[in-house]
Amino acid sequence: MRYVAIFLGSFAVQLALGGVGEAADPRATQLTYEPWTKTCLTEASCFVAAAARGQCVPSGGTLSVSPQSSKRAIVSANVGTRTMLEGTISLRIDQDEPIQIAKPHCYTLGCGGTLEADGEMIERLKHAQTIAVEAKNLTGQTISLAFPLTHFAETFDGPGSPPKTSGQGSKDAQQHTESVKQLPQCED
């Protein structure tokens, strides 16, 4: 059940983004970073996420952290691309060694993957300045996102949004999808 909540949370973040960055189109690299927010799907299932949006689709990406217990969380990273990835998705907290997300999965407008984080990694995120997400697609383009960790700790430890009724969540997702449809397509 917990993994279903994580999947739904990751999917909700993807809907909010409308896809996630082709580097060939400069509009895809002109990113706006949204602040960290904590969303609760149920009273016991919340996730903290941030998004980077470009001026065309697909562009940007998402990063989410879903606490499983006080010492364990699932970290999900998604990047926008129409092409499969070459290798892994890499996460780097400040200047630390990169952490690899092996076997990312791809879908129409992006690729993503998850990894299990221990309490030490969560504490590191709470005290760091940035977390960078990097991937390379099969056309050789590097997708790089640098999420500021400002207010991550307060958001992670703070209250989340109240769980939405199933009708309200669907309505919000539909509104986001409609706003994303108005964005132009990124050029390859």
N, C-alpha and C. Protein backbone atom coordinates (compact mmCIF):
# COMPACT_ATOMS: atom_id res chain seq x y z
N MET A 1 0.83 -1.19 0.00
CA MET A 1 0.00 0.00 0.00
C MET A 1 0.87 1.25 0.00
N ARG A 2 1.98 1.22 0.74
CA ARG A 2 2.87 2.37 0.82
C ARG A 2 3.44 2.71 -0.55
N TYR A 3 3.81 1.65 -1.33
CA TYR A 3 4.38 1.88 -2.66
C TYR A 3 3.35 2.43 -3.63
N VAL A 4 2.08 2.08 -3.44
CA VAL A 4 1.02 2.64 -4.26
C VAL A 4 0.93 4.14 -3.99
N ALA A 5 1.03 4.53 -2.72
CA ALA A 5 1.00 5.95 -2.37
C ALA A 5 2.19 6.68 -2.97
N ILE A 6 3.36 6.06 -2.96
CA ILE A 6 4.55 6.68 -3.55
C ILE A 6 4.35 6.85 -5.05
N PHE A 7 3.84 5.80 -5.70
CA PHE A 7 3.60 5.88 -7.14
C PHE A 7 2.60 6.99 -7.44
N LEU A 8 1.51 7.05 -6.68
CA LEU A 8 0.51 8.09 -6.90
C LEU A 8 1.10 9.47 -6.66
N GLY A 9 1.95 9.60 -5.63
CA GLY A 9 2.59 10.88 -5.37
C GLY A 9 3.50 11.29 -6.50
N SER A 10 4.28 10.36 -7.01
CA SER A 10 5.16 10.64 -8.14
C SER A 10 4.35 11.00 -9.36
N PHE A 11 3.25 10.28 -9.59
CA PHE A 11 2.38 10.57 -10.72
C PHE A 11 1.75 11.95 -10.57
N ALA A 12 1.33 12.30 -9.35
CA ALA A 12 0.73 13.61 -9.12
C ALA A 12 1.74 14.73 -9.41
N VAL A 13 2.98 14.52 -9.02
CA VAL A 13 4.02 15.51 -9.31
C VAL A 13 4.20 15.63 -10.81
N GLN A 14 4.18 14.51 -11.54
CA GLN A 14 4.33 14.55 -12.98
C GLN A 14 3.17 15.29 -13.63
N LEU A 15 1.95 15.07 -13.16
CA LEU A 15 0.81 15.80 -13.68
C LEU A 15 0.97 17.30 -13.44
N ALA A 16 1.48 17.64 -12.26
CA ALA A 16 1.68 19.04 -11.95
C ALA A 16 2.70 19.68 -12.87
N LEU A 17 3.70 18.92 -13.26
CA LEU A 17 4.73 19.44 -14.16
C LEU A 17 4.30 19.46 -15.60
N GLY A 18 3.47 18.54 -15.98
CA GLY A 18 3.11 18.42 -17.37
C GLY A 18 4.24 17.83 -18.17
N GLY A 19 4.96 16.99 -17.60
CA GLY A 19 6.12 16.44 -18.27
C GLY A 19 7.33 17.08 -17.69
N VAL A 20 8.39 16.49 -17.96
CA VAL A 20 9.55 17.02 -17.36
C VAL A 20 10.71 17.14 -18.30
N GLY A 21 13.76 17.94 -19.50
CA GLY A 21 14.16 19.03 -20.20
C GLY A 21 15.01 18.72 -21.35
N GLU A 22 14.52 18.88 -22.48
CA GLU A 22 15.36 18.80 -23.66
C GLU A 22 16.26 20.02 -23.71
N ALA A 23 17.55 19.81 -23.86
CA ALA A 23 18.50 20.91 -23.88
C ALA A 23 18.61 21.58 -25.24
N ALA A 24 18.04 20.98 -26.32
CA ALA A 24 18.15 21.56 -27.65
C ALA A 24 17.38 22.87 -27.75
N ASP A 25 16.30 23.01 -27.07
CA ASP A 25 15.46 24.20 -27.10
C ASP A 25 15.82 25.06 -25.90
N PRO A 26 16.29 26.30 -26.12
CA PRO A 26 16.68 27.13 -24.98
C PRO A 26 15.54 27.38 -23.99
N ARG A 27 14.31 27.31 -24.45
CA ARG A 27 13.17 27.51 -23.53
C ARG A 27 13.12 26.40 -22.48
N ALA A 28 13.69 25.24 -22.81
CA ALA A 28 13.68 24.11 -21.88
C ALA A 28 14.69 24.30 -20.76
N THR A 29 15.68 25.15 -20.97
CA THR A 29 16.70 25.37 -19.94
C THR A 29 16.44 26.64 -19.13
N GLN A 30 15.46 27.42 -19.52
CA GLN A 30 15.08 28.61 -18.76
C GLN A 30 14.06 28.19 -17.72
N LEU A 31 14.59 27.70 -16.60
CA LEU A 31 13.76 27.05 -15.60
C LEU A 31 13.31 27.98 -14.48
N THR A 32 12.13 27.72 -14.00
CA THR A 32 11.59 28.35 -12.81
C THR A 32 11.46 27.25 -11.77
N TYR A 33 12.08 27.45 -10.61
CA TYR A 33 12.02 26.44 -9.54
C TYR A 33 10.90 26.79 -8.58
N GLU A 34 10.05 25.82 -8.33
CA GLU A 34 8.96 26.00 -7.38
C GLU A 34 9.45 25.60 -6.00
N PRO A 35 8.88 26.20 -4.96
CA PRO A 35 9.34 25.87 -3.60
C PRO A 35 8.92 24.46 -3.19
N TRP A 36 9.59 23.96 -2.17
CA TRP A 36 9.25 22.66 -1.60
C TRP A 36 7.86 22.73 -1.00
N THR A 37 7.04 21.74 -1.27
CA THR A 37 5.71 21.65 -0.68
C THR A 37 5.50 20.24 -0.13
N LYS A 38 4.69 20.15 0.88
CA LYS A 38 4.38 18.85 1.47
C LYS A 38 2.91 18.55 1.19
N THR A 39 2.69 17.43 0.52
CA THR A 39 1.35 17.03 0.12
C THR A 39 1.02 15.71 0.80
N CYS A 40 -0.15 15.63 1.36
CA CYS A 40 -0.59 14.41 2.02
C CYS A 40 -1.70 13.77 1.20
N LEU A 41 -1.49 12.51 0.83
CA LEU A 41 -2.51 11.76 0.10
C LEU A 41 -3.52 11.18 1.07
N THR A 42 -3.02 10.77 2.24
CA THR A 42 -3.85 10.32 3.35
C THR A 42 -3.20 10.92 4.59
N GLU A 43 -3.78 10.69 5.75
CA GLU A 43 -3.19 11.22 6.97
C GLU A 43 -1.82 10.61 7.25
N ALA A 44 -1.59 9.39 6.80
CA ALA A 44 -0.33 8.69 7.09
C ALA A 44 0.64 8.67 5.90
N SER A 45 0.25 9.24 4.76
CA SER A 45 1.08 9.15 3.57
C SER A 45 1.28 10.53 2.94
N CYS A 46 2.45 11.12 3.21
CA CYS A 46 2.78 12.44 2.69
C CYS A 46 4.08 12.38 1.89
N PHE A 47 4.30 13.36 1.04
CA PHE A 47 5.58 13.49 0.36
C PHE A 47 5.91 14.96 0.22
N VAL A 48 7.21 15.25 0.17
CA VAL A 48 7.72 16.60 0.01
C VAL A 48 8.31 16.67 -1.38
N ALA A 49 7.93 17.69 -2.16
CA ALA A 49 8.37 17.74 -3.55
C ALA A 49 8.68 19.16 -3.98
N ALA A 50 9.54 19.26 -4.98
CA ALA A 50 9.85 20.52 -5.64
C ALA A 50 9.86 20.25 -7.13
N ALA A 51 9.57 21.27 -7.91
CA ALA A 51 9.53 21.12 -9.36
C ALA A 51 10.31 22.24 -10.02
N ALA A 52 10.85 21.93 -11.18
CA ALA A 52 11.49 22.92 -12.05
C ALA A 52 10.72 22.89 -13.35
N ARG A 53 10.25 24.06 -13.79
CA ARG A 53 9.45 24.14 -15.02
C ARG A 53 10.17 24.99 -16.05
N GLY A 54 10.15 24.51 -17.28
CA GLY A 54 10.67 25.29 -18.39
C GLY A 54 9.53 26.04 -19.06
N GLN A 55 9.83 26.68 -20.18
CA GLN A 55 8.82 27.45 -20.89
C GLN A 55 8.21 26.67 -22.04
N CYS A 56 8.55 25.38 -22.15
CA CYS A 56 7.97 24.50 -23.15
C CYS A 56 7.89 23.09 -22.55
N VAL A 57 7.20 22.19 -23.25
CA VAL A 57 7.00 20.83 -22.76
C VAL A 57 7.67 19.85 -23.71
N PRO A 58 8.44 18.85 -23.27
CA PRO A 58 8.81 18.58 -21.89
C PRO A 58 10.04 19.38 -21.48
N SER A 59 10.07 19.81 -20.27
CA SER A 59 11.24 20.49 -19.72
C SER A 59 11.16 20.46 -18.21
N GLY A 60 12.32 20.64 -17.57
CA GLY A 60 12.36 20.67 -16.12
C GLY A 60 12.42 19.30 -15.50
N GLY A 61 11.82 19.19 -14.34
CA GLY A 61 11.85 17.94 -13.62
C GLY A 61 11.26 18.09 -12.23
N THR A 62 11.25 16.98 -11.52
CA THR A 62 10.72 16.98 -10.15
C THR A 62 11.64 16.16 -9.26
N LEU A 63 11.55 16.47 -8.00
CA LEU A 63 12.25 15.71 -6.99
C LEU A 63 11.29 15.58 -5.82
N SER A 64 11.10 14.35 -5.33
CA SER A 64 10.20 14.18 -4.19
C SER A 64 10.82 13.22 -3.18
N VAL A 65 10.48 13.44 -1.92
CA VAL A 65 10.95 12.62 -0.82
C VAL A 65 9.71 12.16 -0.06
N SER A 66 9.52 10.83 0.02
CA SER A 66 8.35 10.25 0.68
C SER A 66 8.80 9.50 1.93
N PRO A 67 8.60 10.09 3.11
CA PRO A 67 9.01 9.39 4.34
C PRO A 67 8.25 8.08 4.51
N GLN A 68 8.98 7.02 4.87
CA GLN A 68 8.39 5.73 5.13
C GLN A 68 8.39 5.45 6.63
N SER A 69 9.39 5.98 7.31
CA SER A 69 9.53 5.88 8.76
C SER A 69 10.49 7.00 9.17
N SER A 70 10.85 7.05 10.45
CA SER A 70 11.77 8.10 10.90
C SER A 70 13.18 7.90 10.37
N LYS A 71 13.50 6.71 9.89
CA LYS A 71 14.86 6.42 9.42
C LYS A 71 14.91 5.98 7.96
N ARG A 72 13.83 6.14 7.24
CA ARG A 72 13.78 5.65 5.87
C ARG A 72 12.82 6.50 5.03
N ALA A 73 13.22 6.80 3.78
CA ALA A 73 12.37 7.53 2.85
C ALA A 73 12.67 7.06 1.43
N ILE A 74 11.73 7.30 0.55
CA ILE A 74 11.91 7.00 -0.87
C ILE A 74 12.11 8.34 -1.57
N VAL A 75 13.21 8.47 -2.33
CA VAL A 75 13.51 9.67 -3.10
C VAL A 75 13.21 9.36 -4.56
N SER A 76 12.40 10.19 -5.20
CA SER A 76 12.07 10.03 -6.61
C SER A 76 12.56 11.24 -7.38
N ALA A 77 13.22 11.00 -8.50
CA ALA A 77 13.70 12.07 -9.37
C ALA A 77 13.17 11.82 -10.77
N ASN A 78 12.68 12.88 -11.41
CA ASN A 78 12.15 12.79 -12.77
C ASN A 78 12.74 13.92 -13.60
N VAL A 79 13.11 13.63 -14.83
CA VAL A 79 13.64 14.63 -15.76
C VAL A 79 12.84 14.57 -17.05
N GLY A 80 12.71 15.71 -17.71
CA GLY A 80 11.96 15.78 -18.95
C GLY A 80 12.81 15.47 -20.15
N THR A 81 12.35 14.55 -20.96
CA THR A 81 13.02 14.20 -22.20
C THR A 81 12.07 13.35 -23.04
N ARG A 82 12.19 13.45 -24.33
CA ARG A 82 11.40 12.58 -25.21
C ARG A 82 12.21 11.33 -25.57
N THR A 83 13.46 11.29 -25.15
CA THR A 83 14.37 10.21 -25.51
C THR A 83 14.74 9.40 -24.28
N MET A 84 15.00 8.14 -24.48
CA MET A 84 15.45 7.27 -23.38
C MET A 84 16.76 7.81 -22.81
N LEU A 85 17.07 7.42 -21.59
CA LEU A 85 18.31 7.85 -20.95
C LEU A 85 19.44 6.87 -21.23
N GLU A 86 20.64 7.43 -21.23
CA GLU A 86 21.85 6.63 -21.34
C GLU A 86 22.37 6.45 -19.92
N GLY A 87 22.15 5.31 -19.34
CA GLY A 87 22.64 5.05 -17.98
C GLY A 87 21.65 5.46 -16.91
N THR A 88 22.19 6.05 -15.86
CA THR A 88 21.41 6.32 -14.65
C THR A 88 21.05 7.79 -14.51
N ILE A 89 20.24 8.08 -13.50
CA ILE A 89 20.00 9.44 -13.06
C ILE A 89 20.89 9.64 -11.84
N SER A 90 21.59 10.75 -11.79
CA SER A 90 22.53 11.02 -10.71
C SER A 90 22.01 12.14 -9.82
N LEU A 91 22.13 11.94 -8.50
CA LEU A 91 21.80 12.98 -7.51
C LEU A 91 23.08 13.37 -6.80
N ARG A 92 23.28 14.67 -6.60
CA ARG A 92 24.46 15.14 -5.87
C ARG A 92 24.01 16.21 -4.87
N ILE A 93 24.22 15.92 -3.60
CA ILE A 93 23.89 16.87 -2.54
C ILE A 93 25.12 17.73 -2.32
N ASP A 94 24.98 19.05 -2.55
CA ASP A 94 26.12 19.98 -2.50
C ASP A 94 27.28 19.39 -3.30
N GLN A 95 28.44 19.25 -2.69
CA GLN A 95 29.62 18.72 -3.40
C GLN A 95 29.91 17.26 -3.05
N ASP A 96 28.94 16.58 -2.45
CA ASP A 96 29.12 15.17 -2.10
C ASP A 96 29.29 14.32 -3.35
N GLU A 97 29.68 13.07 -3.15
CA GLU A 97 29.77 12.12 -4.26
C GLU A 97 28.37 11.89 -4.83
N PRO A 98 28.27 11.70 -6.14
CA PRO A 98 26.95 11.44 -6.74
C PRO A 98 26.35 10.13 -6.25
N ILE A 99 25.04 10.12 -6.15
CA ILE A 99 24.27 8.94 -5.79
C ILE A 99 23.51 8.54 -7.06
N GLN A 100 23.65 7.31 -7.48
CA GLN A 100 23.04 6.86 -8.73
C GLN A 100 21.66 6.23 -8.49
N ILE A 101 20.72 6.61 -9.34
CA ILE A 101 19.42 5.94 -9.38
C ILE A 101 19.49 5.01 -10.57
N ALA A 102 19.67 3.74 -10.29
CA ALA A 102 19.81 2.73 -11.34
C ALA A 102 18.45 2.40 -11.96
N LYS A 103 18.48 1.96 -13.16
CA LYS A 103 17.30 1.48 -13.88
C LYS A 103 16.15 2.47 -13.90
N PRO A 104 16.38 3.71 -14.38
CA PRO A 104 15.25 4.63 -14.48
C PRO A 104 14.24 4.12 -15.51
N HIS A 105 13.00 4.49 -15.32
CA HIS A 105 11.94 4.12 -16.25
C HIS A 105 11.55 5.36 -17.06
N CYS A 106 11.17 5.17 -18.30
CA CYS A 106 10.80 6.30 -19.15
C CYS A 106 9.34 6.19 -19.57
N TYR A 107 8.76 7.34 -19.85
CA TYR A 107 7.38 7.45 -20.28
C TYR A 107 7.36 8.52 -21.36
N THR A 108 6.22 8.94 -21.83
CA THR A 108 6.11 9.83 -22.98
C THR A 108 6.93 11.10 -22.87
N LEU A 109 6.89 11.79 -21.74
CA LEU A 109 7.55 13.08 -21.63
C LEU A 109 8.67 13.13 -20.61
N GLY A 110 9.20 12.00 -20.23
CA GLY A 110 10.29 12.04 -19.27
C GLY A 110 10.72 10.69 -18.78
N CYS A 111 11.72 10.71 -17.92
CA CYS A 111 12.24 9.50 -17.30
C CYS A 111 12.41 9.77 -15.81
N GLY A 112 12.27 8.73 -15.01
CA GLY A 112 12.41 8.89 -13.58
C GLY A 112 12.79 7.60 -12.90
N GLY A 113 13.13 7.74 -11.64
CA GLY A 113 13.49 6.58 -10.86
C GLY A 113 13.46 6.90 -9.39
N THR A 114 13.62 5.87 -8.57
CA THR A 114 13.58 6.04 -7.12
C THR A 114 14.76 5.34 -6.48
N LEU A 115 15.05 5.78 -5.27
CA LEU A 115 16.04 5.11 -4.44
C LEU A 115 15.61 5.23 -3.00
N GLU A 116 16.09 4.31 -2.19
CA GLU A 116 15.77 4.34 -0.76
C GLU A 116 16.82 5.18 -0.06
N ALA A 117 16.37 6.10 0.76
CA ALA A 117 17.26 6.97 1.52
C ALA A 117 17.19 6.60 3.00
N ASP A 118 18.33 6.64 3.65
CA ASP A 118 18.35 6.37 5.08
C ASP A 118 18.24 7.71 5.84
N GLY A 119 18.16 7.62 7.15
CA GLY A 119 18.04 8.82 7.97
C GLY A 119 19.20 9.78 7.80
N GLU A 120 20.39 9.25 7.54
CA GLU A 120 21.57 10.09 7.34
C GLU A 120 21.42 10.97 6.09
N MET A 121 20.90 10.39 5.02
CA MET A 121 20.70 11.17 3.79
C MET A 121 19.64 12.25 3.99
N ILE A 122 18.58 11.92 4.70
CA ILE A 122 17.53 12.91 4.97
C ILE A 122 18.10 14.07 5.79
N GLU A 123 18.88 13.76 6.81
CA GLU A 123 19.51 14.81 7.61
C GLU A 123 20.46 15.66 6.75
N ARG A 124 21.17 15.01 5.85
CA ARG A 124 22.07 15.73 4.94
C ARG A 124 21.27 16.71 4.07
N LEU A 125 20.13 16.27 3.55
CA LEU A 125 19.27 17.15 2.75
C LEU A 125 18.79 18.35 3.57
N LYS A 126 18.49 18.11 4.83
CA LYS A 126 17.99 19.19 5.69
C LYS A 126 19.03 20.28 5.94
N HIS A 127 20.32 19.95 5.82
CA HIS A 127 21.37 20.91 6.13
C HIS A 127 22.16 21.38 4.92
N ALA A 128 21.87 20.84 3.76
CA ALA A 128 22.60 21.18 2.53
C ALA A 128 22.00 22.41 1.85
N GLN A 129 22.70 22.90 0.83
CA GLN A 129 22.26 24.06 0.06
C GLN A 129 21.48 23.67 -1.20
N THR A 130 21.98 22.65 -1.93
CA THR A 130 21.34 22.24 -3.17
C THR A 130 21.41 20.73 -3.36
N ILE A 131 20.52 20.23 -4.19
CA ILE A 131 20.61 18.86 -4.67
C ILE A 131 20.47 18.94 -6.19
N ALA A 132 21.47 18.41 -6.88
CA ALA A 132 21.49 18.44 -8.34
C ALA A 132 21.03 17.09 -8.87
N VAL A 133 20.25 17.15 -9.93
CA VAL A 133 19.78 15.97 -10.64
C VAL A 133 20.37 16.05 -12.04
N GLU A 134 21.01 14.98 -12.47
CA GLU A 134 21.62 14.99 -13.81
C GLU A 134 21.40 13.66 -14.50
N ALA A 135 21.14 13.75 -15.79
CA ALA A 135 20.96 12.56 -16.62
C ALA A 135 21.40 12.91 -18.03
N LYS A 136 21.71 11.90 -18.81
CA LYS A 136 22.11 12.09 -20.20
C LYS A 136 21.19 11.23 -21.05
N ASN A 137 20.58 11.84 -22.10
CA ASN A 137 19.70 11.05 -22.94
C ASN A 137 20.48 10.43 -24.10
N LEU A 138 19.84 9.59 -24.86
CA LEU A 138 20.52 8.84 -25.92
C LEU A 138 21.00 9.71 -27.07
N THR A 139 20.51 10.95 -27.16
CA THR A 139 21.01 11.87 -28.19
C THR A 139 22.23 12.63 -27.70
N GLY A 140 22.68 12.34 -26.48
CA GLY A 140 23.88 12.97 -25.93
C GLY A 140 23.65 14.25 -25.17
N GLN A 141 22.41 14.67 -25.04
CA GLN A 141 22.12 15.90 -24.30
C GLN A 141 22.10 15.62 -22.80
N THR A 142 22.76 16.50 -22.05
CA THR A 142 22.76 16.39 -20.60
C THR A 142 21.62 17.23 -20.03
N ILE A 143 20.88 16.63 -19.15
CA ILE A 143 19.78 17.31 -18.46
C ILE A 143 20.26 17.56 -17.04
N SER A 144 20.36 18.83 -16.66
CA SER A 144 20.85 19.18 -15.32
C SER A 144 19.85 20.10 -14.63
N LEU A 145 19.53 19.75 -13.41
CA LEU A 145 18.64 20.55 -12.57
C LEU A 145 19.32 20.72 -11.22
N ALA A 146 19.25 21.90 -10.65
CA ALA A 146 19.83 22.15 -9.33
C ALA A 146 18.74 22.72 -8.42
N PHE A 147 18.17 21.85 -7.60
CA PHE A 147 17.09 22.26 -6.71
C PHE A 147 17.66 22.88 -5.44
N PRO A 148 17.29 24.14 -5.15
CA PRO A 148 17.71 24.72 -3.87
C PRO A 148 17.02 24.00 -2.72
N LEU A 149 17.74 23.78 -1.65
CA LEU A 149 17.17 23.10 -0.48
C LEU A 149 16.70 24.08 0.60
N THR A 150 16.58 25.35 0.21
CA THR A 150 16.05 26.36 1.12
C THR A 150 14.65 25.92 1.57
N HIS A 151 14.42 25.92 2.83
CA HIS A 151 13.13 25.56 3.44
C HIS A 151 12.76 24.08 3.32
N PHE A 152 13.69 23.24 2.82
CA PHE A 152 13.39 21.81 2.74
C PHE A 152 13.12 21.24 4.14
N ALA A 153 14.00 21.55 5.08
CA ALA A 153 13.87 20.99 6.43
C ALA A 153 12.55 21.39 7.08
N GLU A 154 12.19 22.67 6.97
CA GLU A 154 10.95 23.15 7.57
C GLU A 154 9.74 22.47 6.91
N THR A 155 9.80 22.31 5.60
CA THR A 155 8.70 21.69 4.88
C THR A 155 8.61 20.21 5.23
N PHE A 156 9.74 19.52 5.25
CA PHE A 156 9.78 18.09 5.55
C PHE A 156 9.22 17.81 6.95
N ASP A 157 9.64 18.61 7.93
CA ASP A 157 9.22 18.40 9.32
C ASP A 157 7.88 19.05 9.65
N GLY A 158 7.40 19.93 8.78
CA GLY A 158 6.17 20.66 9.06
C GLY A 158 4.92 19.90 8.66
N PRO A 159 3.78 20.54 8.89
CA PRO A 159 2.51 19.90 8.53
C PRO A 159 2.34 19.89 7.01
N GLY A 160 1.65 18.92 6.52
CA GLY A 160 1.36 18.85 5.09
C GLY A 160 -0.01 19.41 4.80
N SER A 161 -0.35 19.44 3.54
CA SER A 161 -1.69 19.84 3.16
C SER A 161 -2.67 18.80 3.67
N PRO A 162 -3.88 19.21 4.02
CA PRO A 162 -4.84 18.20 4.43
C PRO A 162 -5.16 17.28 3.25
N PRO A 163 -5.38 15.99 3.51
CA PRO A 163 -5.73 15.09 2.41
C PRO A 163 -6.96 15.61 1.67
N LYS A 164 -6.91 15.53 0.34
CA LYS A 164 -8.03 16.01 -0.46
C LYS A 164 -9.00 14.88 -0.73
N THR A 165 -10.23 15.26 -0.91
CA THR A 165 -11.21 14.25 -1.30
C THR A 165 -10.86 13.79 -2.70
N SER A 166 -11.28 12.61 -3.08
CA SER A 166 -10.92 12.09 -4.40
C SER A 166 -11.40 13.01 -5.51
N GLY A 167 -12.53 13.62 -5.37
CA GLY A 167 -13.04 14.54 -6.39
C GLY A 167 -12.18 15.80 -6.50
N GLN A 168 -11.75 16.35 -5.36
CA GLN A 168 -10.94 17.56 -5.36
C GLN A 168 -9.57 17.31 -5.96
N GLY A 169 -8.94 16.19 -5.62
CA GLY A 169 -7.63 15.87 -6.18
C GLY A 169 -7.69 15.71 -7.69
N SER A 170 -8.74 15.07 -8.19
CA SER A 170 -8.91 14.89 -9.63
C SER A 170 -9.13 16.22 -10.32
N LYS A 171 -9.90 17.10 -9.69
CA LYS A 171 -10.17 18.42 -10.26
C LYS A 171 -8.87 19.24 -10.34
N ASP A 172 -8.05 19.22 -9.29
CA ASP A 172 -6.77 19.94 -9.30
C ASP A 172 -5.84 19.40 -10.38
N ALA A 173 -5.77 18.08 -10.51
CA ALA A 173 -4.91 17.47 -11.53
C ALA A 173 -5.39 17.86 -12.92
N GLN A 174 -6.69 17.90 -13.13
CA GLN A 174 -7.24 18.27 -14.43
C GLN A 174 -6.92 19.73 -14.75
N GLN A 175 -7.01 20.63 -13.77
CA GLN A 175 -6.68 22.04 -13.98
C GLN A 175 -5.22 22.19 -14.35
N HIS A 176 -4.33 21.46 -13.67
CA HIS A 176 -2.90 21.50 -13.98
C HIS A 176 -2.64 20.99 -15.39
N THR A 177 -3.28 19.89 -15.75
CA THR A 177 -3.10 19.31 -17.08
C THR A 177 -3.53 20.31 -18.15
N GLU A 178 -4.63 20.99 -17.93
CA GLU A 178 -5.11 21.99 -18.90
C GLU A 178 -4.12 23.15 -19.03
N SER A 179 -3.54 23.61 -17.90
CA SER A 179 -2.58 24.72 -17.99
C SER A 179 -1.30 24.31 -18.71
N VAL A 180 -0.90 23.05 -18.55
CA VAL A 180 0.29 22.56 -19.22
C VAL A 180 0.06 22.42 -20.72
N LYS A 181 -1.15 22.04 -21.12
CA LYS A 181 -1.46 21.91 -22.54
C LYS A 181 -1.28 23.22 -23.28
N GLN A 182 -1.34 24.33 -22.57
CA GLN A 182 -1.18 25.64 -23.20
C GLN A 182 0.29 25.97 -23.47
N LEU A 183 1.23 25.24 -22.87
CA LEU A 183 2.65 25.46 -23.13
C LEU A 183 3.02 24.94 -24.51
N PRO A 184 3.91 25.64 -25.23
CA PRO A 184 4.35 25.12 -26.52
C PRO A 184 5.24 23.89 -26.35
N GLN A 185 5.33 23.08 -27.38
CA GLN A 185 6.21 21.91 -27.38
C GLN A 185 7.65 22.38 -27.55
N CYS A 186 8.56 21.74 -26.82
CA CYS A 186 9.98 22.02 -26.98
C CYS A 186 10.41 21.47 -28.35
N GLU A 187 11.31 22.18 -28.98
CA GLU A 187 11.84 21.69 -30.26
C GLU A 187 13.01 20.77 -29.98
N ASP A 188 13.13 19.72 -30.79
CA ASP A 188 14.21 18.74 -30.61
C ASP A 188 15.54 19.26 -31.05
